PDB file of N, CA and C in Angstrom:
ATOM      1  N   MET A   1      87.748 104.462 105.178  1.00  0.00           N
ATOM      2  CA  MET A   1      87.119 103.495 106.060  1.00  0.00           C
ATOM      3  C   MET A   1      88.165 102.641 106.760  1.00  0.00           C
ATOM      4  N   THR A   2      89.253 102.321 106.061  1.00  0.00           N
ATOM      5  CA  THR A   2      90.290 101.483 106.646  1.00  0.00           C
ATOM      6  C   THR A   2      90.984 102.192 107.801  1.00  0.00           C
ATOM      7  N   MET A   3      91.213 103.489 107.671  1.00  0.00           N
ATOM      8  CA  MET A   3      91.875 104.228 108.749  1.00  0.00           C
ATOM      9  C   MET A   3      90.968 104.318 109.973  1.00  0.00           C
ATOM     10  N   LYS A   4      89.657 104.436 109.745  1.00  0.00           N
ATOM     11  CA  LYS A   4      88.736 104.455 110.885  1.00  0.00           C
ATOM     12  C   LYS A   4      88.811 103.128 111.624  1.00  0.00           C
ATOM     13  N   PHE A   5      88.896 102.033 110.877  1.00  0.00           N
ATOM     14  CA  PHE A   5      89.013 100.711 111.494  1.00  0.00           C
ATOM     15  C   PHE A   5      90.317 100.600 112.266  1.00  0.00           C
ATOM     16  N   ALA A   6      91.410 101.057 111.668  1.00  0.00           N
ATOM     17  CA  ALA A   6      92.714 100.971 112.329  1.00  0.00           C
ATOM     18  C   ALA A   6      92.732 101.817 113.592  1.00  0.00           C
ATOM     19  N   LYS A   7      92.136 102.994 113.521  1.00  0.00           N
ATOM     20  CA  LYS A   7      92.099 103.873 114.691  1.00  0.00           C
ATOM     21  C   LYS A   7      91.224 103.256 115.785  1.00  0.00           C
ATOM     22  N   ALA A   8      90.084 102.712 115.408  1.00  0.00           N
ATOM     23  CA  ALA A   8      89.199 102.081 116.387  1.00  0.00           C
ATOM     24  C   ALA A   8      89.874 100.860 116.992  1.00  0.00           C
ATOM     25  N   PHE A   9      90.530 100.067 116.166  1.00  0.00           N
ATOM     26  CA  PHE A   9      91.230  98.882 116.668  1.00  0.00           C
ATOM     27  C   PHE A   9      92.328  99.275 117.648  1.00  0.00           C
ATOM     28  N   SER A  10      93.084 100.327 117.310  1.00  0.00           N
ATOM     29  CA  SER A  10      94.167 100.734 118.205  1.00  0.00           C
ATOM     30  C   SER A  10      93.616 101.248 119.527  1.00  0.00           C
ATOM     31  N   LEU A  11      92.515 101.974 119.488  1.00  0.00           N
ATOM     32  CA  LEU A  11      91.912 102.465 120.730  1.00  0.00           C
ATOM     33  C   LEU A  11      91.407 101.314 121.592  1.00  0.00           C
ATOM     34  N   ILE A  12      90.800 100.325 120.969  1.00  0.00           N
ATOM     35  CA  ILE A  12      90.317  99.159 121.717  1.00  0.00           C
ATOM     36  C   ILE A  12      91.495  98.401 122.317  1.00  0.00           C
ATOM     37  N   ALA A  13      92.562  98.229 121.538  1.00  0.00           N
ATOM     38  CA  ALA A  13      93.746  97.523 122.040  1.00  0.00           C
ATOM     39  C   ALA A  13      94.360  98.263 123.219  1.00  0.00           C
ATOM     40  N   ILE A  14      94.456  99.578 123.105  1.00  0.00           N
ATOM     41  CA  ILE A  14      95.016 100.374 124.195  1.00  0.00           C
ATOM     42  C   ILE A  14      94.140 100.268 125.432  1.00  0.00           C
ATOM     43  N   MET A  15      92.827 100.318 125.257  1.00  0.00           N
ATOM     44  CA  MET A  15      91.923 100.218 126.400  1.00  0.00           C
ATOM     45  C   MET A  15      92.066  98.863 127.082  1.00  0.00           C
ATOM     46  N   LEU A  16      92.110  97.790 126.313  1.00  0.00           N
ATOM     47  CA  LEU A  16      92.248  96.456 126.900  1.00  0.00           C
ATOM     48  C   LEU A  16      93.577  96.293 127.627  1.00  0.00           C
ATOM     49  N   LEU A  17      94.640  96.772 127.013  1.00  0.00           N
ATOM     50  CA  LEU A  17      95.940  96.674 127.657  1.00  0.00           C
ATOM     51  C   LEU A  17      96.014  97.560 128.899  1.00  0.00           C
ATOM     52  N   SER A  18      95.358  98.711 128.849  1.00  0.00           N
ATOM     53  CA  SER A  18      95.329  99.589 130.018  1.00  0.00           C
ATOM     54  C   SER A  18      94.565  98.938 131.159  1.00  0.00           C
ATOM     55  N   LEU A  19      93.456  98.285 130.846  1.00  0.00           N
ATOM     56  CA  LEU A  19      92.697  97.597 131.891  1.00  0.00           C
ATOM     57  C   LEU A  19      93.531  96.492 132.529  1.00  0.00           C
ATOM     58  N   THR A  20      94.283  95.789 131.709  1.00  0.00           N
ATOM     59  CA  THR A  20      95.156  94.740 132.232  1.00  0.00           C
ATOM     60  C   THR A  20      96.213  95.342 133.150  1.00  0.00           C
ATOM     61  N   THR A  21      96.758  96.466 132.745  1.00  0.00           N
ATOM     62  CA  THR A  21      97.786  97.122 133.548  1.00  0.00           C
ATOM     63  C   THR A  21      97.198  97.672 134.840  1.00  0.00           C
ATOM     64  N   LEU A  22      95.981  98.198 134.780  1.00  0.00           N
ATOM     65  CA  LEU A  22      95.360  98.786 135.962  1.00  0.00           C
ATOM     66  C   LEU A  22      95.030  97.752 137.027  1.00  0.00           C
ATOM     67  N   THR A  23      94.882  96.508 136.652  1.00  0.00           N
ATOM     68  CA  THR A  23      94.548  95.483 137.637  1.00  0.00           C
ATOM     69  C   THR A  23      95.760  95.084 138.471  1.00  0.00           C
ATOM     70  N   ALA A  24      96.944  95.480 138.040  1.00  0.00           N
ATOM     71  CA  ALA A  24      98.151  95.174 138.811  1.00  0.00           C
ATOM     72  C   ALA A  24      98.200  96.070 140.041  1.00  0.00           C
ATOM     73  N   CYS A  25      98.783  95.559 141.100  1.00  0.00           N
ATOM     74  CA  CYS A  25      98.896  96.357 142.321  1.00  0.00           C
ATOM     75  C   CYS A  25     100.157  97.212 142.276  1.00  0.00           C
ATOM     76  N   ASP A  26     100.321  98.089 143.249  1.00  0.00           N
ATOM     77  CA  ASP A  26     101.434  99.020 143.278  1.00  0.00           C
ATOM     78  C   ASP A  26     102.751  98.372 143.689  1.00  0.00           C
ATOM     79  N   ARG A  27     102.703  97.248 144.333  1.00  0.00           N
ATOM     80  CA  ARG A  27     103.938  96.581 144.757  1.00  0.00           C
ATOM     81  C   ARG A  27     104.691  96.050 143.552  1.00  0.00           C
ATOM     82  N   ASP A  28     105.980  95.896 143.716  1.00  0.00           N
ATOM     83  CA  ASP A  28     106.795  95.292 142.662  1.00  0.00           C
ATOM     84  C   ASP A  28     106.596  93.783 142.712  1.00  0.00           C
ATOM     85  N   GLU A  29     105.931  93.261 141.712  1.00  0.00           N
ATOM     86  CA  GLU A  29     105.607  91.835 141.690  1.00  0.00           C
ATOM     87  C   GLU A  29     106.568  91.044 140.816  1.00  0.00           C
ATOM     88  N   GLY A  30     107.642  91.662 140.379  1.00  0.00           N
ATOM     89  CA  GLY A  30     108.623  90.935 139.572  1.00  0.00           C
ATOM     90  C   GLY A  30     108.244  90.848 138.114  1.00  0.00           C
ATOM     91  N   GLY A  31     108.208  89.627 137.603  1.00  0.00           N
ATOM     92  CA  GLY A  31     107.990  89.391 136.183  1.00  0.00           C
ATOM     93  C   GLY A  31     106.655  89.906 135.657  1.00  0.00           C
ATOM     94  N   MET A  32     105.612  89.736 136.448  1.00  0.00           N
ATOM     95  CA  MET A  32     104.291  90.191 135.984  1.00  0.00           C
ATOM     96  C   MET A  32     104.243  91.719 135.886  1.00  0.00           C
ATOM     97  N   GLU A  33     104.883  92.391 136.810  1.00  0.00           N
ATOM     98  CA  GLU A  33     104.936  93.856 136.780  1.00  0.00           C
ATOM     99  C   GLU A  33     105.675  94.331 135.535  1.00  0.00           C
ATOM    100  N   GLU A  34     106.795  93.710 135.256  1.00  0.00           N
ATOM    101  CA  GLU A  34     107.571  94.062 134.067  1.00  0.00           C
ATOM    102  C   GLU A  34     106.791  93.774 132.794  1.00  0.00           C
ATOM    103  N   MET A  35     106.086  92.658 132.762  1.00  0.00           N
ATOM    104  CA  MET A  35     105.288  92.316 131.588  1.00  0.00           C
ATOM    105  C   MET A  35     104.193  93.360 131.369  1.00  0.00           C
ATOM    106  N   GLY A  36     103.555  93.785 132.439  1.00  0.00           N
ATOM    107  CA  GLY A  36     102.516  94.807 132.325  1.00  0.00           C
ATOM    108  C   GLY A  36     103.056  96.117 131.797  1.00  0.00           C
ATOM    109  N   GLU A  37     104.236  96.495 132.268  1.00  0.00           N
ATOM    110  CA  GLU A  37     104.856  97.727 131.784  1.00  0.00           C
ATOM    111  C   GLU A  37     105.216  97.615 130.307  1.00  0.00           C
ATOM    112  N   LYS A  38     105.722  96.460 129.905  1.00  0.00           N
ATOM    113  CA  LYS A  38     106.061  96.257 128.493  1.00  0.00           C
ATOM    114  C   LYS A  38     104.810  96.277 127.622  1.00  0.00           C
ATOM    115  N   MET A  39     103.718  95.705 128.125  1.00  0.00           N
ATOM    116  CA  MET A  39     102.460  95.727 127.367  1.00  0.00           C
ATOM    117  C   MET A  39     101.954  97.158 127.222  1.00  0.00           C
ATOM    118  N   ASP A  40     102.071  97.928 128.277  1.00  0.00           N
ATOM    119  CA  ASP A  40     101.639  99.319 128.243  1.00  0.00           C
ATOM    120  C   ASP A  40     102.462 100.118 127.234  1.00  0.00           C
ATOM    121  N   GLU A  41     103.775  99.921 127.255  1.00  0.00           N
ATOM    122  CA  GLU A  41     104.646 100.593 126.293  1.00  0.00           C
ATOM    123  C   GLU A  41     104.321 100.171 124.866  1.00  0.00           C
ATOM    124  N   ALA A  42     104.064  98.878 124.666  1.00  0.00           N
ATOM    125  CA  ALA A  42     103.748  98.382 123.321  1.00  0.00           C
ATOM    126  C   ALA A  42     102.441  98.988 122.822  1.00  0.00           C
ATOM    127  N   ALA A  43     101.450  99.105 123.694  1.00  0.00           N
ATOM    128  CA  ALA A  43     100.171  99.692 123.298  1.00  0.00           C
ATOM    129  C   ALA A  43     100.340 101.157 122.925  1.00  0.00           C
ATOM    130  N   THR A  44     101.132 101.871 123.704  1.00  0.00           N
ATOM    131  CA  THR A  44     101.388 103.279 123.405  1.00  0.00           C
ATOM    132  C   THR A  44     102.131 103.420 122.085  1.00  0.00           C
ATOM    133  N   ASP A  45     103.155 102.591 121.882  1.00  0.00           N
ATOM    134  CA  ASP A  45     103.914 102.633 120.632  1.00  0.00           C
ATOM    135  C   ASP A  45     103.029 102.300 119.433  1.00  0.00           C
ATOM    136  N   PHE A  46     102.147 101.315 119.593  1.00  0.00           N
ATOM    137  CA  PHE A  46     101.238 100.933 118.512  1.00  0.00           C
ATOM    138  C   PHE A  46     100.295 102.085 118.173  1.00  0.00           C
ATOM    139  N   GLY A  47      99.728 102.709 119.191  1.00  0.00           N
ATOM    140  CA  GLY A  47      98.830 103.842 118.964  1.00  0.00           C
ATOM    141  C   GLY A  47      99.538 104.985 118.271  1.00  0.00           C
ATOM    142  N   ASN A  48     100.768 105.268 118.686  1.00  0.00           N
ATOM    143  CA  ASN A  48     101.539 106.334 118.052  1.00  0.00           C
ATOM    144  C   ASN A  48     101.861 105.996 116.601  1.00  0.00           C
ATOM    145  N   ALA A  49     102.172 104.742 116.327  1.00  0.00           N
ATOM    146  CA  ALA A  49     102.489 104.331 114.954  1.00  0.00           C
ATOM    147  C   ALA A  49     101.270 104.459 114.048  1.00  0.00           C
ATOM    148  N   VAL A  50     100.108 104.083 114.557  1.00  0.00           N
ATOM    149  CA  VAL A  50      98.877 104.202 113.769  1.00  0.00           C
ATOM    150  C   VAL A  50      98.594 105.669 113.483  1.00  0.00           C
ATOM    151  N   GLU A  51      98.741 106.505 114.495  1.00  0.00           N
ATOM    152  CA  GLU A  51      98.484 107.936 114.306  1.00  0.00           C
ATOM    153  C   GLU A  51      99.484 108.542 113.323  1.00  0.00           C
ATOM    154  N   ASP A  52     100.760 108.186 113.440  1.00  0.00           N
ATOM    155  CA  ASP A  52     101.767 108.690 112.505  1.00  0.00           C
ATOM    156  C   ASP A  52     101.468 108.255 111.080  1.00  0.00           C
ATOM    157  N   GLY A  53     101.065 107.007 110.908  1.00  0.00           N
ATOM    158  CA  GLY A  53     100.715 106.511 109.574  1.00  0.00           C
ATOM    159  C   GLY A  53      99.529 107.253 108.985  1.00  0.00           C
ATOM    160  N   CYS A  54      98.548 107.523 109.810  1.00  0.00           N
ATOM    161  CA  CYS A  54      97.367 108.267 109.363  1.00  0.00           C
ATOM    162  C   CYS A  54      97.762 109.680 108.931  1.00  0.00           C
ATOM    163  N   GLU A  55      98.585 110.334 109.756  1.00  0.00           N
ATOM    164  CA  GLU A  55      99.014 111.690 109.419  1.00  0.00           C
ATOM    165  C   GLU A  55      99.854 111.711 108.146  1.00  0.00           C
ATOM    166  N   ASP A  56     100.742 110.723 107.984  1.00  0.00           N
ATOM    167  CA  ASP A  56     101.550 110.646 106.764  1.00  0.00           C
ATOM    168  C   ASP A  56     100.673 110.455 105.531  1.00  0.00           C
ATOM    169  N   MET A  57      99.655 109.607 105.651  1.00  0.00           N
ATOM    170  CA  MET A  57      98.770 109.367 104.526  1.00  0.00           C
ATOM    171  C   MET A  57      97.995 110.638 104.175  1.00  0.00           C
ATOM    172  N   LYS A  58      97.512 111.348 105.190  1.00  0.00           N
ATOM    173  CA  LYS A  58      96.776 112.587 104.929  1.00  0.00           C
ATOM    174  C   LYS A  58      97.670 113.639 104.285  1.00  0.00           C
ATOM    175  N   GLU A  59      98.928 113.707 104.724  1.00  0.00           N
ATOM    176  CA  GLU A  59      99.863 114.651 104.111  1.00  0.00           C
ATOM    177  C   GLU A  59     100.131 114.268 102.658  1.00  0.00           C
ATOM    178  N   GLY A  60     100.178 112.973 102.384  1.00  0.00           N
ATOM    179  CA  GLY A  60     100.439 112.494 101.026  1.00  0.00           C
ATOM    180  C   GLY A  60      99.346 112.842 100.044  1.00  0.00           C
ATOM    181  N   VAL A  61      98.114 112.968 100.520  1.00  0.00           N
ATOM    182  CA  VAL A  61      97.006 113.316  99.631  1.00  0.00           C
ATOM    183  C   VAL A  61      96.628 114.785  99.777  1.00  0.00           C
ATOM    184  N   ASN A  62      97.487 115.560 100.454  1.00  0.00           N
ATOM    185  CA  ASN A  62      97.276 116.994 100.647  1.00  0.00           C
ATOM    186  C   ASN A  62      95.952 117.314 101.298  1.00  0.00           C
ATOM    187  N   ALA A  63      95.616 116.599 102.341  1.00  0.00           N
ATOM    188  CA  ALA A  63      94.369 116.850 103.060  1.00  0.00           C
ATOM    189  C   ALA A  63      94.494 118.171 103.833  1.00  0.00           C
ATOM    190  N   ASP A  64      93.367 118.866 103.990  1.00  0.00           N
ATOM    191  CA  ASP A  64      93.346 120.117 104.742  1.00  0.00           C
ATOM    192  C   ASP A  64      93.660 119.876 106.203  1.00  0.00           C
ATOM    193  N   ASP A  65      93.104 118.838 106.778  1.00  0.00           N
ATOM    194  CA  ASP A  65      93.306 118.516 108.188  1.00  0.00           C
ATOM    195  C   ASP A  65      94.203 117.282 108.268  1.00  0.00           C
ATOM    196  N   THR A  66      95.434 117.460 108.751  1.00  0.00           N
ATOM    197  CA  THR A  66      96.369 116.344 108.813  1.00  0.00           C
ATOM    198  C   THR A  66      96.382 115.672 110.174  1.00  0.00           C
ATOM    199  N   ASP A  67      95.561 116.126 111.104  1.00  0.00           N
ATOM    200  CA  ASP A  67      95.486 115.485 112.413  1.00  0.00           C
ATOM    201  C   ASP A  67      94.581 114.264 112.352  1.00  0.00           C
ATOM    202  N   CYS A  68      94.930 113.246 113.111  1.00  0.00           N
ATOM    203  CA  CYS A  68      94.126 112.027 113.144  1.00  0.00           C
ATOM    204  C   CYS A  68      93.546 111.836 114.525  1.00  0.00           C
TER     205      CYS A  68
END
């Protein structure tokens, strides 16, 4: 149940951060543009870390399906 919560939380976080990034325009706006890119990278890194942790845990308990 905890992994389902973590996966759902990470998906919601990624969606919210993606929406924030999508509202930015294509022009280089300086600091705000850089902040949006950093937020996008952080969301991607967070999602990857959650998925890696889930896969490691499944491998540790010898689960048949190690994909998360």
